[in-house]
Amino acid sequence: MAHRILARFGAAQPFDPTNRYTTSWILPPLTLAIFRIILSIYAFTTTFFILAWEGLHERHLENRLYNSYFTHLTYWGLGFYFLFSSLHTFRYALAGASWLQKWPVTLQIAHAVFYTTIVTFPILVTAVFWAVIYSGVWFSDDFGAWINTSQHTLNTVFAAFEIFFTRTSPPPLAHLPMLVMILALYLALAYLTHATQGFYPYPFLDPNNGSGKLAAYILGILVAACVIYGVVWVIIWVRRWITETKLGMHGKFAKNRNIGDEEMVEMRMDHIK
């Protein structure tokens, strides 16, 4: 029973026996690790530069409310995901096994869910910004253009890198309710921000614009998140089918990896599928 529950959350034991989280079907492990650390550095550099720039220009309110925006929270998530995934990948490339496989089950589940958020929420942020928030007039200054391009376009590019270039499997269906829960928690944070700061992070969350309109926005974003999850699931499944089943590109592995019975079983099952 416990094994089935863990499997539904993407943490069947032994965890990730073929190192799908730390390998690519086309990139060697060390190259994948380097790409990931570069993306992490870019995400953190962008975030800290924004905070420093706003501080130097005495935009203290923006600094104080920085983490009230879903965009910024997901961008922190990208930075930390690529940081940890790069460390796991470097470890796998050098030692043939990642720390992730030795972690407690709770952290393995957390990593699996973290991956699912990384390949869904940035796309949701991009869609909502350009479809709902963007006014249609390009930004008047280079700084505004750069930060919005970085946080509302490149974020999806980062997610696409994980979707198309790794060997990960489609995210488990059990992760979908957790995505909904995270969105609900952010909604609570947004209204907590208004209660404590008198400010709505996003104007469409203001109930004074009409309760029906507010409900439509919330429901629309929820539906969009579910649709994005479904589309990403299909894309990852198709990527695995094309690269592994049709092209026989089962992955670039560390030369000194330990091949256990579980890995051989999974490879045979994947070949049969």
C-alpha atoms as a PDB file:
ATOM      1  CA  MET A   1       0.000   0.000   0.000  1.00  0.00           C
ATOM      2  CA  ALA A   2       2.734   2.442   0.981  1.00  0.00           C
ATOM      3  CA  HIS A   3       4.653   1.638  -2.211  1.00  0.00           C
ATOM      4  CA  ARG A   4       1.585   2.421  -4.335  1.00  0.00           C
ATOM      5  CA  ILE A   5       0.999   5.724  -2.555  1.00  0.00           C
ATOM      6  CA  LEU A   6       4.625   6.747  -3.052  1.00  0.00           C
ATOM      7  CA  ALA A   7       4.443   5.735  -6.713  1.00  0.00           C
ATOM      8  CA  ARG A   8       1.392   7.946  -7.221  1.00  0.00           C
ATOM      9  CA  PHE A   9       3.397  10.915  -5.960  1.00  0.00           C
ATOM     10  CA  GLY A  10       6.382  10.093  -8.178  1.00  0.00           C
ATOM     11  CA  ALA A  11       8.522   8.704  -5.356  1.00  0.00           C
ATOM     12  CA  ALA A  12       8.386   4.926  -5.829  1.00  0.00           C
ATOM     13  CA  GLN A  13      11.242   3.131  -4.105  1.00  0.00           C
ATOM     14  CA  PRO A  14      14.005   2.828  -5.109  1.00  0.00           C
ATOM     15  CA  PHE A  15      13.691   6.460  -6.124  1.00  0.00           C
ATOM     16  CA  ASP A  16      14.549   7.390  -9.710  1.00  0.00           C
ATOM     17  CA  PRO A  17      16.522   4.189 -10.463  1.00  0.00           C
ATOM     18  CA  THR A  18      17.516   5.321 -13.980  1.00  0.00           C
ATOM     19  CA  ASN A  19      18.439   8.851 -12.864  1.00  0.00           C
ATOM     20  CA  ARG A  20      15.802  10.596 -14.955  1.00  0.00           C
ATOM     21  CA  TYR A  21      16.027  13.762 -12.859  1.00  0.00           C
ATOM     22  CA  THR A  22      19.768  14.061 -13.440  1.00  0.00           C
ATOM     23  CA  THR A  23      20.176  12.983 -17.061  1.00  0.00           C
ATOM     24  CA  SER A  24      19.254  14.091 -20.555  1.00  0.00           C
ATOM     25  CA  TRP A  25      18.469  12.133 -23.680  1.00  0.00           C
ATOM     26  CA  ILE A  26      20.910  14.303 -25.646  1.00  0.00           C
ATOM     27  CA  LEU A  27      23.236  16.149 -23.233  1.00  0.00           C
ATOM     28  CA  PRO A  28      25.993  14.453 -21.198  1.00  0.00           C
ATOM     29  CA  PRO A  29      25.390  14.746 -17.436  1.00  0.00           C
ATOM     30  CA  LEU A  30      28.181  17.262 -16.895  1.00  0.00           C
ATOM     31  CA  THR A  31      26.872  19.470 -19.695  1.00  0.00           C
ATOM     32  CA  LEU A  32      23.351  19.259 -18.268  1.00  0.00           C
ATOM     33  CA  ALA A  33      24.682  20.258 -14.848  1.00  0.00           C
ATOM     34  CA  ILE A  34      26.490  23.263 -16.348  1.00  0.00           C
ATOM     35  CA  PHE A  35      23.363  24.427 -18.188  1.00  0.00           C
ATOM     36  CA  ARG A  36      21.342  24.126 -15.003  1.00  0.00           C
ATOM     37  CA  ILE A  37      23.789  26.091 -12.869  1.00  0.00           C
ATOM     38  CA  ILE A  38      23.931  28.821 -15.534  1.00  0.00           C
ATOM     39  CA  LEU A  39      20.131  29.131 -15.469  1.00  0.00           C
ATOM     40  CA  SER A  40      20.214  29.258 -11.666  1.00  0.00           C
ATOM     41  CA  ILE A  41      22.861  31.982 -11.678  1.00  0.00           C
ATOM     42  CA  TYR A  42      20.847  34.015 -14.186  1.00  0.00           C
ATOM     43  CA  ALA A  43      17.650  33.714 -12.133  1.00  0.00           C
ATOM     44  CA  PHE A  44      19.350  34.739  -8.888  1.00  0.00           C
ATOM     45  CA  THR A  45      21.357  37.515 -10.556  1.00  0.00           C
ATOM     46  CA  THR A  46      18.173  38.937 -12.058  1.00  0.00           C
ATOM     47  CA  THR A  47      16.353  38.803  -8.715  1.00  0.00           C
ATOM     48  CA  PHE A  48      19.121  40.388  -6.655  1.00  0.00           C
ATOM     49  CA  PHE A  49      19.787  43.037  -9.325  1.00  0.00           C
ATOM     50  CA  ILE A  50      16.117  44.040  -9.267  1.00  0.00           C
ATOM     51  CA  LEU A  51      16.133  44.302  -5.471  1.00  0.00           C
ATOM     52  CA  ALA A  52      19.379  46.308  -5.509  1.00  0.00           C
ATOM     53  CA  TRP A  53      18.182  48.624  -8.286  1.00  0.00           C
ATOM     54  CA  GLU A  54      14.910  49.346  -6.503  1.00  0.00           C
ATOM     55  CA  GLY A  55      16.788  49.970  -3.262  1.00  0.00           C
ATOM     56  CA  LEU A  56      19.215  52.394  -4.911  1.00  0.00           C
ATOM     57  CA  HIS A  57      16.317  54.253  -6.516  1.00  0.00           C
ATOM     58  CA  GLU A  58      14.503  54.476  -3.174  1.00  0.00           C
ATOM     59  CA  ARG A  59      11.685  52.233  -4.292  1.00  0.00           C
ATOM     60  CA  HIS A  60      11.411  50.783  -0.806  1.00  0.00           C
ATOM     61  CA  LEU A  61       7.733  49.872  -1.095  1.00  0.00           C
ATOM     62  CA  GLU A  62       8.429  47.727  -4.164  1.00  0.00           C
ATOM     63  CA  ASN A  63      11.261  46.012  -2.288  1.00  0.00           C
ATOM     64  CA  ARG A  64       9.106  45.329   0.744  1.00  0.00           C
ATOM     65  CA  LEU A  65       6.300  43.874  -1.376  1.00  0.00           C
ATOM     66  CA  TYR A  66       8.574  41.970  -3.765  1.00  0.00           C
ATOM     67  CA  ASN A  67       7.614  38.534  -2.470  1.00  0.00           C
ATOM     68  CA  SER A  68       3.902  39.309  -2.630  1.00  0.00           C
ATOM     69  CA  TYR A  69       3.923  38.693  -6.397  1.00  0.00           C
ATOM     70  CA  PHE A  70       3.382  35.187  -7.756  1.00  0.00           C
ATOM     71  CA  THR A  71       5.774  36.059 -10.589  1.00  0.00           C
ATOM     72  CA  HIS A  72       8.605  36.736  -8.172  1.00  0.00           C
ATOM     73  CA  LEU A  73       7.884  33.674  -6.039  1.00  0.00           C
ATOM     74  CA  THR A  74       7.992  31.394  -9.077  1.00  0.00           C
ATOM     75  CA  TYR A  75      11.222  33.077 -10.206  1.00  0.00           C
ATOM     76  CA  TRP A  76      12.779  32.321  -6.813  1.00  0.00           C
ATOM     77  CA  GLY A  77      11.556  28.784  -7.400  1.00  0.00           C
ATOM     78  CA  LEU A  78      13.354  28.591 -10.733  1.00  0.00           C
ATOM     79  CA  GLY A  79      16.587  29.792  -9.159  1.00  0.00           C
ATOM     80  CA  PHE A  80      16.468  27.283  -6.317  1.00  0.00           C
ATOM     81  CA  TYR A  81      15.281  24.409  -8.518  1.00  0.00           C
ATOM     82  CA  PHE A  82      18.119  24.832 -10.989  1.00  0.00           C
ATOM     83  CA  LEU A  83      20.587  25.267  -8.131  1.00  0.00           C
ATOM     84  CA  PHE A  84      19.620  21.998  -6.437  1.00  0.00           C
ATOM     85  CA  SER A  85      19.119  20.086  -9.678  1.00  0.00           C
ATOM     86  CA  SER A  86      22.557  21.197 -10.889  1.00  0.00           C
ATOM     87  CA  LEU A  87      24.173  20.006  -7.645  1.00  0.00           C
ATOM     88  CA  HIS A  88      22.435  16.628  -7.953  1.00  0.00           C
ATOM     89  CA  THR A  89      23.487  16.413 -11.596  1.00  0.00           C
ATOM     90  CA  PHE A  90      27.110  17.367 -10.857  1.00  0.00           C
ATOM     91  CA  ARG A  91      27.162  14.672  -8.162  1.00  0.00           C
ATOM     92  CA  TYR A  92      25.739  12.109 -10.582  1.00  0.00           C
ATOM     93  CA  ALA A  93      28.164  13.098 -13.351  1.00  0.00           C
ATOM     94  CA  LEU A  94      31.177  12.735 -11.051  1.00  0.00           C
ATOM     95  CA  ALA A  95      30.153   9.823  -8.814  1.00  0.00           C
ATOM     96  CA  GLY A  96      27.567   7.886 -10.822  1.00  0.00           C
ATOM     97  CA  ALA A  97      24.791   8.486  -8.271  1.00  0.00           C
ATOM     98  CA  SER A  98      22.969  11.601  -7.075  1.00  0.00           C
ATOM     99  CA  TRP A  99      22.312  12.726  -3.513  1.00  0.00           C
ATOM    100  CA  LEU A 100      18.636  12.785  -4.444  1.00  0.00           C
ATOM    101  CA  GLN A 101      18.487   8.985  -4.389  1.00  0.00           C
ATOM    102  CA  LYS A 102      19.738   8.941  -0.790  1.00  0.00           C
ATOM    103  CA  TRP A 103      17.394  11.634   0.510  1.00  0.00           C
ATOM    104  CA  PRO A 104      14.477  10.850   2.863  1.00  0.00           C
ATOM    105  CA  VAL A 105      11.245   9.941   1.082  1.00  0.00           C
ATOM    106  CA  THR A 106       9.594  13.217   2.107  1.00  0.00           C
ATOM    107  CA  LEU A 107      12.304  15.223   0.347  1.00  0.00           C
ATOM    108  CA  GLN A 108      12.109  12.967  -2.706  1.00  0.00           C
ATOM    109  CA  ILE A 109       8.376  13.679  -2.940  1.00  0.00           C
ATOM    110  CA  ALA A 110       9.116  17.378  -2.455  1.00  0.00           C
ATOM    111  CA  HIS A 111      11.624  17.315  -5.322  1.00  0.00           C
ATOM    112  CA  ALA A 112       9.162  15.547  -7.602  1.00  0.00           C
ATOM    113  CA  VAL A 113       6.464  18.126  -6.815  1.00  0.00           C
ATOM    114  CA  PHE A 114       9.026  20.922  -7.173  1.00  0.00           C
ATOM    115  CA  TYR A 115       9.790  19.708 -10.695  1.00  0.00           C
ATOM    116  CA  THR A 116       6.084  19.720 -11.558  1.00  0.00           C
ATOM    117  CA  THR A 117       5.726  23.325 -10.375  1.00  0.00           C
ATOM    118  CA  ILE A 118       8.774  24.332 -12.407  1.00  0.00           C
ATOM    119  CA  VAL A 119       7.320  23.021 -15.670  1.00  0.00           C
ATOM    120  CA  THR A 120       3.835  24.492 -15.092  1.00  0.00           C
ATOM    121  CA  PHE A 121       3.828  27.700 -13.041  1.00  0.00           C
ATOM    122  CA  PRO A 122       6.310  29.700 -15.172  1.00  0.00           C
ATOM    123  CA  ILE A 123       4.148  29.013 -18.231  1.00  0.00           C
ATOM    124  CA  LEU A 124       1.074  30.120 -16.264  1.00  0.00           C
ATOM    125  CA  VAL A 125       2.861  33.333 -15.235  1.00  0.00           C
ATOM    126  CA  THR A 126       3.804  34.064 -18.851  1.00  0.00           C
ATOM    127  CA  ALA A 127       0.279  33.401 -20.115  1.00  0.00           C
ATOM    128  CA  VAL A 128      -1.443  35.532 -17.448  1.00  0.00           C
ATOM    129  CA  PHE A 129       0.994  38.427 -17.800  1.00  0.00           C
ATOM    130  CA  TRP A 130       0.867  38.801 -21.570  1.00  0.00           C
ATOM    131  CA  ALA A 131      -2.838  37.976 -21.885  1.00  0.00           C
ATOM    132  CA  VAL A 132      -4.239  39.809 -18.859  1.00  0.00           C
ATOM    133  CA  ILE A 133      -1.784  42.223 -17.242  1.00  0.00           C
ATOM    134  CA  TYR A 134       0.287  43.602 -20.139  1.00  0.00           C
ATOM    135  CA  SER A 135      -1.179  46.890 -21.349  1.00  0.00           C
ATOM    136  CA  GLY A 136      -0.100  46.487 -24.958  1.00  0.00           C
ATOM    137  CA  VAL A 137       2.430  49.328 -24.793  1.00  0.00           C
ATOM    138  CA  TRP A 138       6.089  48.313 -24.705  1.00  0.00           C
ATOM    139  CA  PHE A 139       8.153  49.423 -21.734  1.00  0.00           C
ATOM    140  CA  SER A 140       9.626  52.911 -21.948  1.00  0.00           C
ATOM    141  CA  ASP A 141      12.963  52.047 -20.291  1.00  0.00           C
ATOM    142  CA  ASP A 142      15.514  49.299 -20.801  1.00  0.00           C
ATOM    143  CA  PHE A 143      15.298  48.164 -17.179  1.00  0.00           C
ATOM    144  CA  GLY A 144      11.542  47.574 -17.376  1.00  0.00           C
ATOM    145  CA  ALA A 145      11.897  45.761 -20.688  1.00  0.00           C
ATOM    146  CA  TRP A 146      14.677  43.545 -19.355  1.00  0.00           C
ATOM    147  CA  ILE A 147      13.054  42.505 -16.078  1.00  0.00           C
ATOM    148  CA  ASN A 148       9.707  41.789 -17.730  1.00  0.00           C
ATOM    149  CA  THR A 149      11.351  39.799 -20.510  1.00  0.00           C
ATOM    150  CA  SER A 150      13.400  37.868 -17.950  1.00  0.00           C
ATOM    151  CA  GLN A 151      10.531  37.142 -15.579  1.00  0.00           C
ATOM    152  CA  HIS A 152       7.643  36.811 -18.029  1.00  0.00           C
ATOM    153  CA  THR A 153       9.261  35.208 -21.095  1.00  0.00           C
ATOM    154  CA  LEU A 154      12.607  33.635 -20.207  1.00  0.00           C
ATOM    155  CA  ASN A 155      10.925  31.911 -17.286  1.00  0.00           C
ATOM    156  CA  THR A 156       8.980  29.812 -19.788  1.00  0.00           C
ATOM    157  CA  VAL A 157      12.177  29.203 -21.763  1.00  0.00           C
ATOM    158  CA  PHE A 158      13.744  27.840 -18.564  1.00  0.00           C
ATOM    159  CA  ALA A 159      10.731  25.571 -18.019  1.00  0.00           C
ATOM    160  CA  ALA A 160      10.896  24.417 -21.650  1.00  0.00           C
ATOM    161  CA  PHE A 161      14.528  23.415 -21.151  1.00  0.00           C
ATOM    162  CA  GLU A 162      13.460  20.978 -18.426  1.00  0.00           C
ATOM    163  CA  ILE A 163      10.522  19.732 -20.474  1.00  0.00           C
ATOM    164  CA  PHE A 164      12.379  19.056 -23.717  1.00  0.00           C
ATOM    165  CA  PHE A 165      15.985  18.261 -22.797  1.00  0.00           C
ATOM    166  CA  THR A 166      15.814  16.039 -19.714  1.00  0.00           C
ATOM    167  CA  ARG A 167      14.667  12.423 -19.327  1.00  0.00           C
ATOM    168  CA  THR A 168      11.958  13.102 -16.776  1.00  0.00           C
ATOM    169  CA  SER A 169       8.654  11.252 -16.915  1.00  0.00           C
ATOM    170  CA  PRO A 170       5.245  12.984 -17.116  1.00  0.00           C
ATOM    171  CA  PRO A 171       4.270  14.455 -13.730  1.00  0.00           C
ATOM    172  CA  PRO A 172       1.975  12.222 -11.647  1.00  0.00           C
ATOM    173  CA  LEU A 173      -1.712  13.102 -11.562  1.00  0.00           C
ATOM    174  CA  ALA A 174      -1.466  13.320  -7.759  1.00  0.00           C
ATOM    175  CA  HIS A 175       0.590  16.476  -8.202  1.00  0.00           C
ATOM    176  CA  LEU A 176      -2.314  18.360  -9.787  1.00  0.00           C
ATOM    177  CA  PRO A 177      -4.240  18.855  -6.502  1.00  0.00           C
ATOM    178  CA  MET A 178      -0.998  20.085  -4.962  1.00  0.00           C
ATOM    179  CA  LEU A 179      -0.652  22.701  -7.704  1.00  0.00           C
ATOM    180  CA  VAL A 180      -4.195  23.833  -6.948  1.00  0.00           C
ATOM    181  CA  MET A 181      -3.365  23.987  -3.244  1.00  0.00           C
ATOM    182  CA  ILE A 182      -0.299  26.148  -3.925  1.00  0.00           C
ATOM    183  CA  LEU A 183      -2.405  28.524  -6.013  1.00  0.00           C
ATOM    184  CA  ALA A 184      -4.954  28.702  -3.179  1.00  0.00           C
ATOM    185  CA  LEU A 185      -2.199  29.482  -0.685  1.00  0.00           C
ATOM    186  CA  TYR A 186      -0.928  32.256  -2.941  1.00  0.00           C
ATOM    187  CA  LEU A 187      -4.452  33.676  -3.151  1.00  0.00           C
ATOM    188  CA  ALA A 188      -4.492  33.784   0.649  1.00  0.00           C
ATOM    189  CA  LEU A 189      -1.102  35.540   0.602  1.00  0.00           C
ATOM    190  CA  ALA A 190      -2.395  38.128  -1.869  1.00  0.00           C
ATOM    191  CA  TYR A 191      -5.318  39.024   0.384  1.00  0.00           C
ATOM    192  CA  LEU A 192      -3.071  38.976   3.439  1.00  0.00           C
ATOM    193  CA  THR A 193      -0.894  41.511   1.621  1.00  0.00           C
ATOM    194  CA  HIS A 194      -3.920  43.714   1.099  1.00  0.00           C
ATOM    195  CA  ALA A 195      -4.983  43.336   4.725  1.00  0.00           C
ATOM    196  CA  THR A 196      -1.545  44.329   6.029  1.00  0.00           C
ATOM    197  CA  GLN A 197      -0.311  46.698   3.319  1.00  0.00           C
ATOM    198  CA  GLY A 198      -3.524  47.984   1.697  1.00  0.00           C
ATOM    199  CA  PHE A 199      -2.324  46.762  -1.677  1.00  0.00           C
ATOM    200  CA  TYR A 200      -3.426  44.068  -4.160  1.00  0.00           C
ATOM    201  CA  PRO A 201      -0.427  42.491  -5.949  1.00  0.00           C
ATOM    202  CA  TYR A 202      -2.620  42.122  -9.044  1.00  0.00           C
ATOM    203  CA  PRO A 203      -5.487  44.549  -9.807  1.00  0.00           C
ATOM    204  CA  PHE A 204      -7.828  41.782 -10.977  1.00  0.00           C
ATOM    205  CA  LEU A 205      -7.864  40.415  -7.394  1.00  0.00           C
ATOM    206  CA  ASP A 206      -9.670  43.527  -6.167  1.00  0.00           C
ATOM    207  CA  PRO A 207     -13.290  42.529  -5.318  1.00  0.00           C
ATOM    208  CA  ASN A 208     -14.351  46.149  -5.812  1.00  0.00           C
ATOM    209  CA  ASN A 209     -14.158  45.473  -9.546  1.00  0.00           C
ATOM    210  CA  GLY A 210     -17.094  43.091  -9.136  1.00  0.00           C
ATOM    211  CA  SER A 211     -17.381  39.742  -7.424  1.00  0.00           C
ATOM    212  CA  GLY A 212     -18.420  38.029 -10.658  1.00  0.00           C
ATOM    213  CA  LYS A 213     -15.373  39.362 -12.474  1.00  0.00           C
ATOM    214  CA  LEU A 214     -13.118  38.340  -9.597  1.00  0.00           C
ATOM    215  CA  ALA A 215     -14.562  34.811  -9.576  1.00  0.00           C
ATOM    216  CA  ALA A 216     -14.103  34.588 -13.343  1.00  0.00           C
ATOM    217  CA  TYR A 217     -10.426  35.562 -13.079  1.00  0.00           C
ATOM    218  CA  ILE A 218      -9.752  33.095 -10.260  1.00  0.00           C
ATOM    219  CA  LEU A 219     -11.580  30.271 -12.028  1.00  0.00           C
ATOM    220  CA  GLY A 220      -9.932  31.131 -15.326  1.00  0.00           C
ATOM    221  CA  ILE A 221      -6.431  30.985 -13.806  1.00  0.00           C
ATOM    222  CA  LEU A 222      -7.285  27.692 -12.101  1.00  0.00           C
ATOM    223  CA  VAL A 223      -8.504  26.196 -15.377  1.00  0.00           C
ATOM    224  CA  ALA A 224      -5.448  27.572 -17.199  1.00  0.00           C
ATOM    225  CA  ALA A 225      -3.144  25.910 -14.648  1.00  0.00           C
ATOM    226  CA  CYS A 226      -4.907  22.556 -15.132  1.00  0.00           C
ATOM    227  CA  VAL A 227      -4.754  22.878 -18.923  1.00  0.00           C
ATOM    228  CA  ILE A 228      -1.041  23.764 -18.794  1.00  0.00           C
ATOM    229  CA  TYR A 229      -0.416  20.754 -16.571  1.00  0.00           C
ATOM    230  CA  GLY A 230      -2.210  18.548 -19.099  1.00  0.00           C
ATOM    231  CA  VAL A 231      -0.360  19.981 -22.089  1.00  0.00           C
ATOM    232  CA  VAL A 232       3.003  19.619 -20.344  1.00  0.00           C
ATOM    233  CA  TRP A 233       2.135  16.018 -19.400  1.00  0.00           C
ATOM    234  CA  VAL A 234       1.407  15.220 -23.053  1.00  0.00           C
ATOM    235  CA  ILE A 235       4.552  16.977 -24.325  1.00  0.00           C
ATOM    236  CA  ILE A 236       6.783  15.073 -21.904  1.00  0.00           C
ATOM    237  CA  TRP A 237       5.090  11.776 -22.817  1.00  0.00           C
ATOM    238  CA  VAL A 238       5.578  12.488 -26.519  1.00  0.00           C
ATOM    239  CA  ARG A 239       9.203  13.502 -25.913  1.00  0.00           C
ATOM    240  CA  ARG A 240       9.875  10.191 -24.178  1.00  0.00           C
ATOM    241  CA  TRP A 241       8.039   8.254 -26.897  1.00  0.00           C
ATOM    242  CA  ILE A 242       9.992   9.918 -29.708  1.00  0.00           C
ATOM    243  CA  THR A 243      13.445   9.928 -28.109  1.00  0.00           C
ATOM    244  CA  GLU A 244      13.336   6.550 -26.362  1.00  0.00           C
ATOM    245  CA  THR A 245      10.809   4.363 -28.164  1.00  0.00           C
ATOM    246  CA  LYS A 246      11.262   5.601 -31.719  1.00  0.00           C
ATOM    247  CA  LEU A 247      14.864   6.845 -31.756  1.00  0.00           C
ATOM    248  CA  GLY A 248      16.297   4.537 -29.123  1.00  0.00           C
ATOM    249  CA  MET A 249      17.980   7.459 -27.344  1.00  0.00           C
ATOM    250  CA  HIS A 250      17.597   6.209 -23.782  1.00  0.00           C
ATOM    251  CA  GLY A 251      19.906   8.820 -22.332  1.00  0.00           C
ATOM    252  CA  LYS A 252      23.435  10.058 -21.726  1.00  0.00           C
ATOM    253  CA  PHE A 253      24.647   8.446 -18.519  1.00  0.00           C
ATOM    254  CA  ALA A 254      27.634   8.849 -16.229  1.00  0.00           C
ATOM    255  CA  LYS A 255      30.403   6.461 -17.200  1.00  0.00           C
ATOM    256  CA  ASN A 256      30.869   5.238 -13.635  1.00  0.00           C
ATOM    257  CA  ARG A 257      27.189   4.838 -12.789  1.00  0.00           C
ATOM    258  CA  ASN A 258      25.932   1.902 -10.773  1.00  0.00           C
ATOM    259  CA  ILE A 259      23.441  -0.108 -12.803  1.00  0.00           C
ATOM    260  CA  GLY A 260      21.113  -1.951 -10.427  1.00  0.00           C
ATOM    261  CA  ASP A 261      18.440  -4.518 -11.096  1.00  0.00           C
ATOM    262  CA  GLU A 262      15.749  -1.846 -10.863  1.00  0.00           C
ATOM    263  CA  GLU A 263      17.346   0.173 -13.647  1.00  0.00           C
ATOM    264  CA  MET A 264      17.574  -2.825 -15.940  1.00  0.00           C
ATOM    265  CA  VAL A 265      13.925  -3.674 -15.261  1.00  0.00           C
ATOM    266  CA  GLU A 266      12.800  -0.137 -16.044  1.00  0.00           C
ATOM    267  CA  MET A 267      14.832  -0.027 -19.241  1.00  0.00           C
ATOM    268  CA  ARG A 268      13.271  -3.295 -20.410  1.00  0.00           C
ATOM    269  CA  MET A 269       9.778  -2.051 -19.541  1.00  0.00           C
ATOM    270  CA  ASP A 270      10.375   1.222 -21.358  1.00  0.00           C
ATOM    271  CA  HIS A 271      11.602  -0.709 -24.398  1.00  0.00           C
ATOM    272  CA  ILE A 272       8.456  -2.870 -24.385  1.00  0.00           C
ATOM    273  CA  LYS A 273       6.218   0.217 -24.105  1.00  0.00           C
END
